[in-house]
Amino acid sequence: MFQKSRVAVLGSVLLISGCTFASESLFPFFGADDNNVQVAAVAPPAAQATTPALAPSAAPVLGATMFVPTAVTQAPSTGTFVGQKVTQHRSELVSLQSTIIGRNQLLQAARQKTTEDSQRYHGTVAAINTRLQLGTTPGNPVLISQWRAAQLELERLSEDVSELNGLANEVAADSAMAAYLLGASRATYGLAGAIDEDHRQLAILEDETNRTVVLIDRLLNELSEDISRQTSYLGSERRNLQTISLAIQNGEIMGANLFNRAFANAAPAGLAGVAIPAGPGQVTANEQPLVVIRFDRADVQYQQALYNALSAALERRPQSFFTLVAVAAGQGTAAEVALNVSKSIKNADEVVRTMADMGLPADRLQMSSTTSPQISVNEVRIYVR
């Protein structure tokens, strides 16, 4: 039995450059690559042969409605007190409609700008992906520069969302004004001293005010939908850029952020019924890990294989939880074992940070450490739940 000595959080599976993936019924043994990296296949070999490109999520489709109110019907004043009220309400409605026309123009301009900023962002990310797929050096300064440009484009998209939010607040005020005008026009029916022409004009005005109220509500709803879709898109792309940064650091293509690819597609109802495992103490001595990373050298290149294994495992079971165990070599003197424990925990912390960069949520992984006299090299083991 593994003894729990500390618990941290993050989420998922692993592997390494002196790394072994143990087999189990759900994840049959697949094989090893030229770097002595063995992987438990969590998907058919064909699915693991090609790493998906780090393409941006499809930009959300923005609304295309033109919000132009129908012109207010004009009529001469009857000269009565009620007729004067009708003229006043008509003038206020004309002013409100003029404001709505201006809001519509701002909305269409904001949509056009958002589309252009999104196209530039996608073009920059596509250039990065192309270079990564062709192969490049780790930390290529050209790709770093392009990544920073993509980040700036994403910030412009964030500013576009802020602009839409500001416009939505203004339209909400317009909606309150429209509701007031509708109520005022209806209340005017109760005023004394009206003639039939006053009520005829008032009926037309009420109908046109009501149509304006409906138009403003539609405008506000479409704005809210645009903002919601853009906000979700920005969150997804920020996570993808985080993963792209790791890919540039390692000089090799990975794929979309794991949160976007797996957890965002998991049904909330299904997640609600899944209990987080009680802890790594549940790991038994005869339980086979999904991944074992052996840190037998100073710079173990496990990131790409780690990503592939995580991606395939989560594609198979999006609601999986994982237990990460830092196993220190227990051979040698007491001082040597103590040093191994310290190094083993540092190795585990590095793996956890890498998984975080790949987009794994913190609540999907539990972490502990133990010592094993059966191994001579520190390991990080990952168990799937």
Protein backbone atom coordinates (compact mmCIF):
# COMPACT_ATOMS: atom_id res chain seq x y z
CA MET A 1 0.00 0.00 0.00
CA PHE A 2 1.17 3.49 -0.73
CA GLN A 3 1.32 5.73 2.31
CA LYS A 4 -0.07 9.25 1.87
CA SER A 5 2.38 11.88 3.00
CA ARG A 6 0.91 14.97 1.36
CA VAL A 7 -2.00 15.97 -0.81
CA ALA A 8 -2.16 18.64 -3.47
CA VAL A 9 -4.47 19.19 -6.43
CA LEU A 10 -4.61 19.41 -10.16
CA GLY A 11 -5.68 16.83 -12.68
CA SER A 12 -4.75 13.81 -14.89
CA VAL A 13 -2.33 11.31 -16.53
CA LEU A 14 1.36 11.16 -17.29
CA LEU A 15 4.44 9.85 -19.00
CA ILE A 16 8.21 10.33 -19.68
CA SER A 17 11.48 10.08 -21.51
CA GLY A 18 12.51 7.19 -19.40
CA CYS A 19 8.86 6.46 -18.96
CA THR A 20 6.65 3.40 -18.76
CA PHE A 21 2.87 3.10 -19.07
CA ALA A 22 1.52 0.01 -17.36
CA SER A 23 -1.28 -1.88 -18.98
CA GLU A 24 -4.79 -2.57 -17.69
CA SER A 25 -7.99 -3.89 -19.21
CA LEU A 26 -9.34 -0.46 -20.10
CA PHE A 27 -5.99 0.80 -21.39
CA PRO A 28 -4.19 -2.08 -23.14
CA PHE A 29 -0.48 -1.76 -23.76
CA PHE A 30 0.27 0.06 -26.99
CA GLY A 31 4.02 0.33 -27.39
CA ALA A 32 7.15 2.44 -27.09
CA ASP A 33 8.67 5.15 -29.22
CA ASP A 34 12.31 5.88 -30.08
CA ASN A 35 12.74 7.77 -26.81
CA ASN A 36 11.90 4.69 -24.76
CA VAL A 37 8.48 6.13 -23.92
CA GLN A 38 5.87 3.42 -23.46
CA VAL A 39 2.22 4.35 -23.50
CA ALA A 40 -0.92 2.56 -22.39
CA ALA A 41 -3.22 2.95 -25.37
CA VAL A 42 -6.39 4.75 -24.38
CA ALA A 43 -7.48 5.01 -28.00
CA PRO A 44 -6.86 2.97 -31.15
CA PRO A 45 -3.31 3.36 -32.51
CA ALA A 46 -4.58 5.27 -35.53
CA ALA A 47 -6.08 7.88 -33.25
CA GLN A 48 -2.73 8.41 -31.56
CA ALA A 49 -0.71 8.61 -34.75
CA THR A 50 -1.49 12.25 -35.44
CA THR A 51 -1.63 15.03 -32.91
CA PRO A 52 -4.53 17.42 -33.56
CA ALA A 53 -3.49 20.92 -34.51
CA LEU A 54 -3.77 23.71 -32.00
CA ALA A 55 -6.42 25.41 -34.09
CA PRO A 56 -8.47 28.15 -32.45
CA SER A 57 -12.04 27.38 -31.55
CA ALA A 58 -14.47 28.41 -34.24
CA ALA A 59 -15.27 32.07 -33.74
CA PRO A 60 -18.88 32.44 -32.55
CA VAL A 61 -21.39 33.65 -35.09
CA LEU A 62 -22.58 37.10 -34.10
CA GLY A 63 -26.11 38.31 -34.68
CA ALA A 64 -26.87 40.00 -37.98
CA THR A 65 -30.17 41.76 -37.29
CA MET A 66 -30.51 45.42 -38.24
CA PHE A 67 -32.51 47.18 -35.53
CA VAL A 68 -34.22 50.07 -37.30
CA PRO A 69 -37.57 51.16 -35.86
CA THR A 70 -40.55 52.05 -38.02
CA ALA A 71 -40.93 55.82 -38.30
CA VAL A 72 -43.46 57.48 -35.99
CA THR A 73 -46.69 58.57 -37.67
CA GLN A 74 -47.02 62.34 -37.57
CA ALA A 75 -50.33 64.19 -37.07
CA PRO A 76 -51.36 67.78 -36.30
CA SER A 77 -52.18 68.70 -32.73
CA THR A 78 -55.86 69.02 -31.90
CA GLY A 79 -55.21 71.88 -29.49
CA THR A 80 -56.73 70.08 -26.52
CA PHE A 81 -54.81 69.28 -23.33
CA VAL A 82 -54.83 65.60 -24.25
CA GLY A 83 -53.73 66.50 -27.79
CA GLN A 84 -50.74 68.36 -26.31
CA LYS A 85 -49.85 65.27 -24.28
CA VAL A 86 -50.02 63.13 -27.40
CA THR A 87 -47.71 65.55 -29.21
CA GLN A 88 -45.27 65.44 -26.27
CA HIS A 89 -45.27 61.64 -26.14
CA ARG A 90 -44.82 61.45 -29.92
CA SER A 91 -41.79 63.76 -29.73
CA GLU A 92 -40.29 61.63 -26.97
CA LEU A 93 -40.81 58.48 -29.02
CA VAL A 94 -39.14 60.08 -32.05
CA SER A 95 -36.17 61.01 -29.86
CA LEU A 96 -35.97 57.46 -28.45
CA GLN A 97 -36.10 55.93 -31.92
CA SER A 98 -33.32 58.24 -33.07
CA THR A 99 -31.24 56.95 -30.14
CA ILE A 100 -32.00 53.33 -31.11
CA ILE A 101 -30.87 54.00 -34.68
CA GLY A 102 -27.57 55.27 -33.24
CA ARG A 103 -27.27 52.20 -31.01
CA ASN A 104 -27.82 49.96 -34.03
CA GLN A 105 -25.03 51.72 -35.94
CA LEU A 106 -22.67 51.24 -32.99
CA LEU A 107 -23.64 47.56 -32.78
CA GLN A 108 -22.99 46.88 -36.46
CA ALA A 109 -19.62 48.67 -36.25
CA ALA A 110 -18.68 46.66 -33.13
CA ARG A 111 -19.61 43.42 -34.87
CA GLN A 112 -17.50 44.30 -37.88
CA LYS A 113 -14.52 45.17 -35.69
CA THR A 114 -14.92 41.94 -33.69
CA THR A 115 -14.97 39.92 -36.90
CA GLU A 116 -11.82 41.60 -38.20
CA ASP A 117 -9.98 41.14 -34.89
CA SER A 118 -11.01 37.49 -34.81
CA GLN A 119 -9.71 36.93 -38.35
CA ARG A 120 -6.34 38.45 -37.45
CA TYR A 121 -6.12 36.29 -34.34
CA HIS A 122 -6.94 33.12 -36.27
CA GLY A 123 -4.37 34.01 -38.93
CA THR A 124 -1.63 34.46 -36.33
CA VAL A 125 -2.44 31.20 -34.56
CA ALA A 126 -2.58 29.38 -37.90
CA ALA A 127 0.94 30.61 -38.69
CA ILE A 128 2.18 29.30 -35.33
CA ASN A 129 0.52 25.93 -35.91
CA THR A 130 1.99 25.59 -39.36
CA ARG A 131 5.50 26.16 -38.08
CA LEU A 132 5.03 23.76 -35.16
CA GLN A 133 3.70 21.06 -37.46
CA LEU A 134 6.65 21.44 -39.81
CA GLY A 135 9.02 21.20 -36.86
CA THR A 136 11.03 23.88 -35.09
CA THR A 137 13.51 24.48 -32.30
CA PRO A 138 12.35 24.75 -28.68
CA GLY A 139 11.61 28.34 -27.70
CA ASN A 140 11.83 29.63 -31.28
CA PRO A 141 11.92 33.47 -30.89
CA VAL A 142 9.89 33.95 -34.07
CA LEU A 143 7.09 31.81 -32.65
CA ILE A 144 7.33 33.59 -29.32
CA SER A 145 6.86 36.90 -31.14
CA GLN A 146 3.87 35.49 -33.02
CA TRP A 147 2.41 34.16 -29.79
CA ARG A 148 2.64 37.62 -28.24
CA ALA A 149 0.92 39.06 -31.31
CA ALA A 150 -1.87 36.50 -30.93
CA GLN A 151 -2.20 37.45 -27.29
CA LEU A 152 -2.56 41.12 -28.26
CA GLU A 153 -5.25 40.21 -30.79
CA LEU A 154 -7.08 38.29 -28.10
CA GLU A 155 -6.92 41.33 -25.83
CA ARG A 156 -8.45 43.39 -28.63
CA LEU A 157 -11.27 40.86 -28.77
CA SER A 158 -11.67 41.29 -25.02
CA GLU A 159 -11.94 45.05 -25.54
CA ASP A 160 -14.60 44.39 -28.18
CA VAL A 161 -16.62 42.45 -25.60
CA SER A 162 -16.25 45.34 -23.15
CA GLU A 163 -17.59 47.66 -25.83
CA LEU A 164 -20.59 45.39 -26.36
CA ASN A 165 -21.18 45.33 -22.60
CA GLY A 166 -21.20 49.11 -22.49
CA LEU A 167 -23.65 49.23 -25.40
CA ALA A 168 -25.89 46.68 -23.64
CA ASN A 169 -26.02 48.91 -20.54
CA GLU A 170 -27.11 51.86 -22.70
CA VAL A 171 -29.77 49.78 -24.45
CA ALA A 172 -31.05 48.62 -21.04
CA ALA A 173 -31.60 52.30 -20.16
CA ASP A 174 -33.40 52.77 -23.48
CA SER A 175 -35.61 49.81 -22.63
CA ALA A 176 -36.61 51.46 -19.36
CA MET A 177 -37.42 54.68 -21.24
CA ALA A 178 -39.53 52.80 -23.78
CA ALA A 179 -41.47 51.08 -21.00
CA TYR A 180 -42.10 54.48 -19.42
CA LEU A 181 -43.39 55.96 -22.70
CA LEU A 182 -45.70 52.98 -23.22
CA GLY A 183 -47.12 53.39 -19.75
CA ALA A 184 -47.49 57.15 -20.19
CA SER A 185 -49.33 56.81 -23.48
CA ARG A 186 -51.77 54.33 -21.94
CA ALA A 187 -52.28 56.55 -18.91
CA THR A 188 -53.19 59.45 -21.21
CA TYR A 189 -56.41 57.66 -22.12
CA GLY A 190 -57.67 58.44 -18.64
CA LEU A 191 -57.24 62.21 -18.94
CA ALA A 192 -60.39 64.28 -19.28
CA GLY A 193 -61.05 66.72 -22.11
CA ALA A 194 -60.07 64.49 -25.05
CA ILE A 195 -61.83 64.40 -28.40
CA ASP A 196 -62.15 61.40 -30.71
CA GLU A 197 -59.13 62.53 -32.79
CA ASP A 198 -56.98 62.59 -29.64
CA HIS A 199 -57.83 58.97 -28.89
CA ARG A 200 -57.30 57.96 -32.52
CA GLN A 201 -53.79 59.49 -32.52
CA LEU A 202 -53.15 58.05 -29.08
CA ALA A 203 -54.03 54.52 -30.29
CA ILE A 204 -51.56 54.85 -33.19
CA LEU A 205 -48.90 56.21 -30.84
CA GLU A 206 -49.43 53.38 -28.36
CA ASP A 207 -49.10 50.78 -31.09
CA GLU A 208 -45.88 52.35 -32.42
CA THR A 209 -44.48 52.68 -28.90
CA ASN A 210 -45.25 49.03 -28.24
CA ARG A 211 -43.42 47.99 -31.45
CA THR A 212 -40.45 50.07 -30.33
CA VAL A 213 -40.45 48.31 -26.96
CA VAL A 214 -40.39 44.94 -28.73
CA LEU A 215 -37.56 46.08 -31.02
CA ILE A 216 -35.47 47.24 -28.07
CA ASP A 217 -36.07 43.94 -26.25
CA ARG A 218 -34.89 42.04 -29.32
CA LEU A 219 -31.83 44.29 -29.54
CA LEU A 220 -31.02 43.70 -25.89
CA ASN A 221 -31.48 39.92 -26.20
CA GLU A 222 -29.25 39.68 -29.28
CA LEU A 223 -26.61 41.81 -27.59
CA SER A 224 -26.69 39.52 -24.56
CA GLU A 225 -26.29 36.45 -26.76
CA ASP A 226 -23.34 38.02 -28.61
CA ILE A 227 -21.66 38.91 -25.32
CA SER A 228 -22.24 35.45 -23.86
CA ARG A 229 -20.83 33.66 -26.92
CA GLN A 230 -17.83 35.98 -27.18
CA THR A 231 -17.04 35.67 -23.47
CA SER A 232 -17.09 31.86 -23.69
CA TYR A 233 -14.93 31.99 -26.83
CA LEU A 234 -12.37 34.25 -25.15
CA GLY A 235 -12.08 31.90 -22.18
CA SER A 236 -11.53 28.95 -24.50
CA GLU A 237 -8.89 30.75 -26.56
CA ARG A 238 -7.01 31.99 -23.50
CA ARG A 239 -6.66 28.37 -22.43
CA ASN A 240 -5.57 27.37 -25.94
CA LEU A 241 -2.91 30.09 -25.96
CA GLN A 242 -1.61 28.72 -22.68
CA THR A 243 -1.18 25.31 -24.30
CA ILE A 244 0.36 26.88 -27.42
CA SER A 245 2.93 28.55 -25.17
CA LEU A 246 3.93 25.13 -23.84
CA ALA A 247 4.12 23.75 -27.38
CA ILE A 248 6.45 26.60 -28.43
CA GLN A 249 8.57 26.01 -25.36
CA ASN A 250 9.02 22.37 -26.39
CA GLY A 251 9.18 23.06 -30.13
CA GLU A 252 6.48 20.55 -31.07
CA ILE A 253 2.79 20.58 -31.82
CA MET A 254 0.41 19.45 -29.11
CA GLY A 255 -3.30 20.08 -29.50
CA ALA A 256 -6.20 22.04 -28.11
CA ASN A 257 -6.31 22.84 -24.41
CA LEU A 258 -7.47 19.72 -22.59
CA PHE A 259 -10.15 21.58 -20.66
CA ASN A 260 -11.67 22.76 -23.93
CA ARG A 261 -11.45 19.32 -25.57
CA ALA A 262 -12.78 17.19 -22.75
CA PHE A 263 -14.22 18.91 -19.72
CA ALA A 264 -16.10 21.61 -21.62
CA ASN A 265 -17.95 18.84 -23.48
CA ALA A 266 -18.85 16.84 -20.40
CA ALA A 267 -22.51 17.05 -19.48
CA PRO A 268 -23.01 19.04 -16.25
CA ALA A 269 -25.62 16.56 -15.07
CA GLY A 270 -23.14 13.72 -15.45
CA LEU A 271 -20.43 15.57 -13.58
CA ALA A 272 -22.78 16.30 -10.72
CA GLY A 273 -23.17 12.61 -10.08
CA VAL A 274 -19.44 11.81 -10.04
CA ALA A 275 -17.77 11.73 -6.65
CA ILE A 276 -14.17 12.88 -6.30
CA PRO A 277 -12.11 9.92 -5.08
CA ALA A 278 -11.36 9.90 -1.38
CA GLY A 279 -7.61 10.14 -1.86
CA PRO A 280 -4.45 8.53 -3.12
CA GLY A 281 -4.48 6.26 -0.10
CA GLN A 282 -6.91 4.17 -2.10
CA VAL A 283 -4.10 3.17 -4.46
CA THR A 284 -3.19 -0.43 -3.73
CA ALA A 285 0.12 -2.18 -4.16
CA ASN A 286 -1.16 -4.34 -7.02
CA GLU A 287 -2.93 -1.52 -8.83
CA GLN A 288 -1.41 -0.73 -12.22
CA PRO A 289 -0.67 2.94 -12.98
CA LEU A 290 -1.78 4.42 -16.25
CA VAL A 291 1.57 6.21 -16.56
CA VAL A 292 4.96 5.96 -14.91
CA ILE A 293 7.56 8.66 -15.49
CA ARG A 294 11.07 7.70 -14.52
CA PHE A 295 13.27 10.73 -13.90
CA ASP A 296 16.54 9.04 -14.81
CA ARG A 297 18.15 12.14 -16.30
CA ALA A 298 18.29 15.89 -15.73
CA ASP A 299 15.98 16.92 -18.57
CA VAL A 300 13.28 14.36 -19.23
CA GLN A 301 11.25 15.24 -22.34
CA TYR A 302 7.84 13.87 -21.42
CA GLN A 303 5.52 16.74 -22.38
CA GLN A 304 4.35 15.61 -25.82
CA ALA A 305 3.78 12.03 -24.78
CA LEU A 306 2.04 13.27 -21.65
CA TYR A 307 -0.31 15.43 -23.68
CA ASN A 308 -1.14 12.58 -26.06
CA ALA A 309 -1.90 10.22 -23.19
CA LEU A 310 -4.03 12.78 -21.35
CA SER A 311 -5.92 13.68 -24.47
CA ALA A 312 -6.68 10.08 -25.39
CA ALA A 313 -7.67 9.13 -21.83
CA LEU A 314 -10.02 12.07 -21.47
CA GLU A 315 -11.50 11.46 -24.89
CA ARG A 316 -12.30 7.93 -23.78
CA ARG A 317 -13.61 8.95 -20.34
CA PRO A 318 -14.14 12.75 -20.04
CA GLN A 319 -15.22 12.49 -16.40
CA SER A 320 -12.11 10.69 -15.15
CA PHE A 321 -10.23 11.74 -12.05
CA PHE A 322 -6.56 11.00 -11.48
CA THR A 323 -4.20 10.28 -8.62
CA LEU A 324 -0.57 11.35 -8.98
CA VAL A 325 1.96 9.68 -6.70
CA ALA A 326 5.54 10.93 -6.37
CA VAL A 327 7.57 7.79 -5.66
CA ALA A 328 11.06 8.31 -4.21
CA ALA A 329 13.77 5.66 -4.61
CA GLY A 330 14.20 3.99 -1.22
CA GLN A 331 17.64 2.52 -1.83
CA GLY A 332 20.76 3.89 -0.16
CA THR A 333 21.52 5.62 3.11
CA ALA A 334 18.98 7.58 5.12
CA ALA A 335 20.47 10.83 3.80
CA GLU A 336 20.24 9.60 0.21
CA VAL A 337 16.63 8.53 0.68
CA ALA A 338 15.75 11.93 2.17
CA LEU A 339 17.35 13.64 -0.83
CA ASN A 340 15.40 11.37 -3.18
CA VAL A 341 12.15 12.30 -1.42
CA SER A 342 12.85 15.99 -1.93
CA LYS A 343 13.73 15.51 -5.59
CA SER A 344 10.71 13.29 -6.16
CA ILE A 345 8.32 15.93 -4.86
CA LYS A 346 9.95 18.56 -7.07
CA ASN A 347 9.54 16.26 -10.08
CA ALA A 348 5.87 15.80 -9.24
CA ASP A 349 5.37 19.55 -8.89
CA GLU A 350 6.89 20.03 -12.34
CA VAL A 351 4.53 17.46 -13.85
CA VAL A 352 1.55 19.07 -12.13
CA ARG A 353 2.51 22.50 -13.53
CA THR A 354 2.82 20.98 -16.99
CA MET A 355 -0.64 19.46 -16.72
CA ALA A 356 -2.01 22.80 -15.59
CA ASP A 357 -0.49 24.44 -18.67
CA MET A 358 -2.24 21.81 -20.77
CA GLY A 359 -5.54 22.88 -19.24
CA LEU A 360 -6.41 20.21 -16.69
CA PRO A 361 -8.66 21.57 -13.90
CA ALA A 362 -7.28 21.53 -10.39
CA ASP A 363 -10.18 19.50 -9.00
CA ARG A 364 -9.47 16.51 -11.22
CA LEU A 365 -6.21 15.37 -9.61
CA GLN A 366 -5.02 14.39 -6.16
CA MET A 367 -1.34 14.16 -5.34
CA SER A 368 0.68 12.33 -2.71
CA SER A 369 4.19 11.00 -2.18
CA THR A 370 5.67 7.76 -0.96
CA THR A 371 8.98 5.84 -0.85
CA SER A 372 9.67 2.49 -2.49
CA PRO A 373 12.74 0.35 -1.77
CA GLN A 374 12.05 -1.58 -4.99
CA ILE A 375 13.10 1.25 -7.33
CA SER A 376 16.45 2.95 -7.85
CA VAL A 377 15.17 5.95 -9.87
CA ASN A 378 12.55 8.46 -8.77
CA GLU A 379 9.20 8.06 -10.50
CA VAL A 380 5.89 9.85 -10.91
CA ARG A 381 2.96 7.50 -11.28
CA ILE A 382 -0.52 8.39 -12.49
CA TYR A 383 -3.62 6.34 -11.69
CA VAL A 384 -6.91 6.87 -13.50
CA ARG A 385 -10.18 6.91 -11.55
